[in-house]
Amino acid sequence: MQIFPDNSVMELILNVLTAAIFPIQPPRHIYYCFGSGSNGKSIFFSLLSSTFEYMFGGLTSKFLTSTGERANSPSPMLLSLKNKRVIVNPETCDTPYCSSLLKRICSGGDWVNARQLYSAEIKSFVVMGRLFLSGNTLPKFDTYDQALRDRLVIVPF
């Protein structure tokens, strides 16, 4: 059994992962791995975690559905994205994703500011990791605009 029996999907994923290893420019797309259960999504994410190790990061659904943080509040989840090449959220999310947060942080190439808990030092960086979301149903977003439609890539499993 193959995780990607469709050659065009396999080629897309290989191109995305190649760009993740050697990022020349910030990512533009958000990849949503979609399909019913027992189809290889979890195995795929486990393989990514083992392959990318310290360059692999995860985000919680709570973070992705929040409308943003206050300017001076700690943001360890955001800071954890620094220097990551692959970022995943393997959780199915019933709450709509915050599209402005996803576009700004994970596919816009914008500088983000973050700081650890109990630290005053603010770190600025551009998120260079490719973001993979996952679910058994199609994703929900708080707003659907042209910028989101241009960035969202549905990857069938």
C-alpha atoms as a PDB file:
ATOM      1  CA  MET A   1       0.000   0.000   0.000  1.00  0.00           C
ATOM      2  CA  GLN A   2       1.268   3.464  -0.893  1.00  0.00           C
ATOM      3  CA  ILE A   3       0.531   6.644   1.020  1.00  0.00           C
ATOM      4  CA  PHE A   4       0.310   8.559  -2.287  1.00  0.00           C
ATOM      5  CA  PRO A   5      -0.945   6.222  -5.023  1.00  0.00           C
ATOM      6  CA  ASP A   6      -1.581   9.222  -7.315  1.00  0.00           C
ATOM      7  CA  ASN A   7       1.710  10.249  -8.962  1.00  0.00           C
ATOM      8  CA  SER A   8       0.719  13.918  -9.260  1.00  0.00           C
ATOM      9  CA  VAL A   9       0.038  14.135  -5.502  1.00  0.00           C
ATOM     10  CA  MET A  10       3.313  12.361  -4.737  1.00  0.00           C
ATOM     11  CA  GLU A  11       5.192  14.781  -6.999  1.00  0.00           C
ATOM     12  CA  LEU A  12       3.538  17.768  -5.288  1.00  0.00           C
ATOM     13  CA  ILE A  13       4.518  16.506  -1.818  1.00  0.00           C
ATOM     14  CA  LEU A  14       8.097  15.765  -2.914  1.00  0.00           C
ATOM     15  CA  ASN A  15       8.416  19.291  -4.343  1.00  0.00           C
ATOM     16  CA  VAL A  16       7.030  20.820  -1.131  1.00  0.00           C
ATOM     17  CA  LEU A  17       9.403  18.798   1.048  1.00  0.00           C
ATOM     18  CA  THR A  18      12.370  19.656  -1.183  1.00  0.00           C
ATOM     19  CA  ALA A  19      11.545  23.343  -0.775  1.00  0.00           C
ATOM     20  CA  ALA A  20      11.243  22.770   2.984  1.00  0.00           C
ATOM     21  CA  ILE A  21      14.756  21.340   3.213  1.00  0.00           C
ATOM     22  CA  PHE A  22      16.335  24.212   1.284  1.00  0.00           C
ATOM     23  CA  PRO A  23      14.005  27.196   1.740  1.00  0.00           C
ATOM     24  CA  ILE A  24      14.946  30.045  -0.573  1.00  0.00           C
ATOM     25  CA  GLN A  25      11.836  32.051   0.136  1.00  0.00           C
ATOM     26  CA  PRO A  26       9.041  31.854   2.723  1.00  0.00           C
ATOM     27  CA  PRO A  27       6.223  29.420   1.997  1.00  0.00           C
ATOM     28  CA  ARG A  28       3.154  30.698   0.234  1.00  0.00           C
ATOM     29  CA  HIS A  29       0.802  27.755   0.618  1.00  0.00           C
ATOM     30  CA  ILE A  30      -1.025  25.962   3.400  1.00  0.00           C
ATOM     31  CA  TYR A  31      -1.422  22.231   2.727  1.00  0.00           C
ATOM     32  CA  TYR A  32      -4.568  20.545   4.017  1.00  0.00           C
ATOM     33  CA  CYS A  33      -4.298  16.743   4.097  1.00  0.00           C
ATOM     34  CA  PHE A  34      -7.852  15.562   3.568  1.00  0.00           C
ATOM     35  CA  GLY A  35      -9.435  12.131   3.584  1.00  0.00           C
ATOM     36  CA  SER A  36     -11.374   9.635   5.651  1.00  0.00           C
ATOM     37  CA  GLY A  37      -9.642   7.724   8.432  1.00  0.00           C
ATOM     38  CA  SER A  38      -7.010   4.983   8.017  1.00  0.00           C
ATOM     39  CA  ASN A  39      -5.561   6.408   4.830  1.00  0.00           C
ATOM     40  CA  GLY A  40      -1.975   7.258   5.794  1.00  0.00           C
ATOM     41  CA  LYS A  41      -2.131  10.821   7.144  1.00  0.00           C
ATOM     42  CA  SER A  42      -0.804   9.834  10.582  1.00  0.00           C
ATOM     43  CA  ILE A  43       1.915   7.655   9.056  1.00  0.00           C
ATOM     44  CA  PHE A  44       2.905  10.527   6.775  1.00  0.00           C
ATOM     45  CA  PHE A  45       3.220  12.922   9.742  1.00  0.00           C
ATOM     46  CA  SER A  46       5.203  10.325  11.721  1.00  0.00           C
ATOM     47  CA  LEU A  47       7.591   9.948   8.788  1.00  0.00           C
ATOM     48  CA  LEU A  48       7.966  13.724   8.562  1.00  0.00           C
ATOM     49  CA  SER A  49       8.696  13.920  12.289  1.00  0.00           C
ATOM     50  CA  SER A  50      11.352  11.200  12.075  1.00  0.00           C
ATOM     51  CA  THR A  51      12.915  12.644   8.933  1.00  0.00           C
ATOM     52  CA  PHE A  52      13.022  16.316   9.875  1.00  0.00           C
ATOM     53  CA  GLU A  53      13.597  15.784  13.644  1.00  0.00           C
ATOM     54  CA  TYR A  54      14.596  19.183  15.123  1.00  0.00           C
ATOM     55  CA  MET A  55      13.332  20.974  11.988  1.00  0.00           C
ATOM     56  CA  PHE A  56       9.836  19.540  12.599  1.00  0.00           C
ATOM     57  CA  GLY A  57       7.263  21.384  14.700  1.00  0.00           C
ATOM     58  CA  GLY A  58       3.646  21.124  15.656  1.00  0.00           C
ATOM     59  CA  LEU A  59       0.853  23.584  16.299  1.00  0.00           C
ATOM     60  CA  THR A  60      -2.265  23.042  18.350  1.00  0.00           C
ATOM     61  CA  SER A  61      -5.742  23.639  17.021  1.00  0.00           C
ATOM     62  CA  LYS A  62      -6.295  26.091  19.869  1.00  0.00           C
ATOM     63  CA  PHE A  63      -3.449  28.257  18.564  1.00  0.00           C
ATOM     64  CA  LEU A  64      -4.710  28.077  14.962  1.00  0.00           C
ATOM     65  CA  THR A  65      -8.263  29.015  15.903  1.00  0.00           C
ATOM     66  CA  SER A  66      -7.383  31.969  18.123  1.00  0.00           C
ATOM     67  CA  THR A  67      -7.856  35.428  16.689  1.00  0.00           C
ATOM     68  CA  GLY A  68      -4.420  36.529  17.778  1.00  0.00           C
ATOM     69  CA  GLU A  69      -2.546  37.443  20.892  1.00  0.00           C
ATOM     70  CA  ARG A  70      -2.091  40.733  22.663  1.00  0.00           C
ATOM     71  CA  ALA A  71       1.001  42.623  21.592  1.00  0.00           C
ATOM     72  CA  ASN A  72       3.001  42.093  24.777  1.00  0.00           C
ATOM     73  CA  SER A  73       1.791  38.637  25.781  1.00  0.00           C
ATOM     74  CA  PRO A  74       4.156  35.645  25.741  1.00  0.00           C
ATOM     75  CA  SER A  75       3.915  33.499  22.633  1.00  0.00           C
ATOM     76  CA  PRO A  76       5.932  30.305  23.125  1.00  0.00           C
ATOM     77  CA  MET A  77       3.885  28.401  20.532  1.00  0.00           C
ATOM     78  CA  LEU A  78       4.709  31.019  17.912  1.00  0.00           C
ATOM     79  CA  LEU A  79       8.361  31.132  18.962  1.00  0.00           C
ATOM     80  CA  SER A  80       8.569  27.345  18.564  1.00  0.00           C
ATOM     81  CA  LEU A  81       8.154  27.852  14.786  1.00  0.00           C
ATOM     82  CA  LYS A  82      11.516  29.597  14.494  1.00  0.00           C
ATOM     83  CA  ASN A  83      13.932  27.550  12.337  1.00  0.00           C
ATOM     84  CA  LYS A  84      11.349  24.826  11.641  1.00  0.00           C
ATOM     85  CA  ARG A  85      11.026  23.525   8.084  1.00  0.00           C
ATOM     86  CA  VAL A  86       7.855  21.434   8.449  1.00  0.00           C
ATOM     87  CA  ILE A  87       4.969  22.407  10.728  1.00  0.00           C
ATOM     88  CA  VAL A  88       1.934  20.187  11.245  1.00  0.00           C
ATOM     89  CA  ASN A  89      -1.406  20.280  12.970  1.00  0.00           C
ATOM     90  CA  PRO A  90      -2.643  16.678  12.856  1.00  0.00           C
ATOM     91  CA  GLU A  91      -5.784  17.413  14.872  1.00  0.00           C
ATOM     92  CA  THR A  92      -9.200  17.642  13.305  1.00  0.00           C
ATOM     93  CA  CYS A  93     -10.627  21.013  14.212  1.00  0.00           C
ATOM     94  CA  ASP A  94     -14.338  21.757  14.578  1.00  0.00           C
ATOM     95  CA  THR A  95     -13.731  25.431  15.370  1.00  0.00           C
ATOM     96  CA  PRO A  96     -12.979  27.507  12.251  1.00  0.00           C
ATOM     97  CA  TYR A  97      -9.317  28.263  11.672  1.00  0.00           C
ATOM     98  CA  CYS A  98      -8.346  31.938  11.918  1.00  0.00           C
ATOM     99  CA  SER A  99      -7.530  32.679   8.279  1.00  0.00           C
ATOM    100  CA  SER A 100      -5.752  35.967   8.988  1.00  0.00           C
ATOM    101  CA  LEU A 101      -3.442  34.243  11.490  1.00  0.00           C
ATOM    102  CA  LEU A 102      -2.649  31.424   9.059  1.00  0.00           C
ATOM    103  CA  LYS A 103      -1.981  33.806   6.177  1.00  0.00           C
ATOM    104  CA  ARG A 104       0.170  36.161   8.236  1.00  0.00           C
ATOM    105  CA  ILE A 105       2.222  33.626  10.142  1.00  0.00           C
ATOM    106  CA  CYS A 106       2.479  30.565   7.962  1.00  0.00           C
ATOM    107  CA  SER A 107       2.196  31.700   4.382  1.00  0.00           C
ATOM    108  CA  GLY A 108       2.709  35.417   4.130  1.00  0.00           C
ATOM    109  CA  GLY A 109       6.439  35.826   4.551  1.00  0.00           C
ATOM    110  CA  ASP A 110       5.824  38.527   7.177  1.00  0.00           C
ATOM    111  CA  TRP A 111       8.119  39.081  10.133  1.00  0.00           C
ATOM    112  CA  VAL A 112       6.560  37.902  13.385  1.00  0.00           C
ATOM    113  CA  ASN A 113       7.501  38.854  16.940  1.00  0.00           C
ATOM    114  CA  ALA A 114       7.429  36.321  19.751  1.00  0.00           C
ATOM    115  CA  ARG A 115       8.763  35.831  23.249  1.00  0.00           C
ATOM    116  CA  GLN A 116       9.059  33.021  25.769  1.00  0.00           C
ATOM    117  CA  LEU A 117       7.222  32.905  29.062  1.00  0.00           C
ATOM    118  CA  TYR A 118       8.886  35.001  31.772  1.00  0.00           C
ATOM    119  CA  SER A 119      11.214  36.659  29.284  1.00  0.00           C
ATOM    120  CA  ALA A 120      11.297  40.241  28.093  1.00  0.00           C
ATOM    121  CA  GLU A 121      13.395  39.424  25.020  1.00  0.00           C
ATOM    122  CA  ILE A 122      11.369  39.656  21.825  1.00  0.00           C
ATOM    123  CA  LYS A 123      12.590  37.645  18.858  1.00  0.00           C
ATOM    124  CA  SER A 124      11.675  38.576  15.286  1.00  0.00           C
ATOM    125  CA  PHE A 125      11.759  36.044  12.482  1.00  0.00           C
ATOM    126  CA  VAL A 126      10.048  34.897   9.295  1.00  0.00           C
ATOM    127  CA  VAL A 127       8.344  31.508   9.512  1.00  0.00           C
ATOM    128  CA  MET A 128      10.008  29.342   6.856  1.00  0.00           C
ATOM    129  CA  GLY A 129       8.246  26.044   7.616  1.00  0.00           C
ATOM    130  CA  ARG A 130       5.722  24.456   5.296  1.00  0.00           C
ATOM    131  CA  LEU A 131       2.393  24.109   7.127  1.00  0.00           C
ATOM    132  CA  PHE A 132       0.381  20.892   6.896  1.00  0.00           C
ATOM    133  CA  LEU A 133      -3.103  20.765   8.420  1.00  0.00           C
ATOM    134  CA  SER A 134      -5.107  17.563   8.520  1.00  0.00           C
ATOM    135  CA  GLY A 135      -8.654  16.343   8.840  1.00  0.00           C
ATOM    136  CA  ASN A 136     -11.278  13.853   7.757  1.00  0.00           C
ATOM    137  CA  THR A 137     -13.561  16.650   6.567  1.00  0.00           C
ATOM    138  CA  LEU A 138     -12.822  19.815   4.632  1.00  0.00           C
ATOM    139  CA  PRO A 139     -11.522  22.681   6.784  1.00  0.00           C
ATOM    140  CA  LYS A 140     -13.570  25.599   8.079  1.00  0.00           C
ATOM    141  CA  PHE A 141     -12.173  29.132   8.234  1.00  0.00           C
ATOM    142  CA  ASP A 142     -13.542  32.254   9.876  1.00  0.00           C
ATOM    143  CA  THR A 143     -13.318  34.083   6.525  1.00  0.00           C
ATOM    144  CA  TYR A 144     -12.861  32.878   2.973  1.00  0.00           C
ATOM    145  CA  ASP A 145     -11.192  35.509   0.838  1.00  0.00           C
ATOM    146  CA  GLN A 146      -9.169  35.421  -2.359  1.00  0.00           C
ATOM    147  CA  ALA A 147      -5.859  35.390  -0.462  1.00  0.00           C
ATOM    148  CA  LEU A 148      -6.907  32.236   1.404  1.00  0.00           C
ATOM    149  CA  ARG A 149      -8.194  30.565  -1.761  1.00  0.00           C
ATOM    150  CA  ASP A 150      -4.859  31.298  -3.458  1.00  0.00           C
ATOM    151  CA  ARG A 151      -2.884  29.760  -0.583  1.00  0.00           C
ATOM    152  CA  LEU A 152      -4.911  26.689   0.398  1.00  0.00           C
ATOM    153  CA  VAL A 153      -3.889  23.437  -1.300  1.00  0.00           C
ATOM    154  CA  ILE A 154      -6.035  20.368  -0.634  1.00  0.00           C
ATOM    155  CA  VAL A 155      -3.928  17.188  -0.597  1.00  0.00           C
ATOM    156  CA  PRO A 156      -6.139  14.102  -1.042  1.00  0.00           C
ATOM    157  CA  PHE A 157      -5.344  10.989   0.967  1.00  0.00           C
END
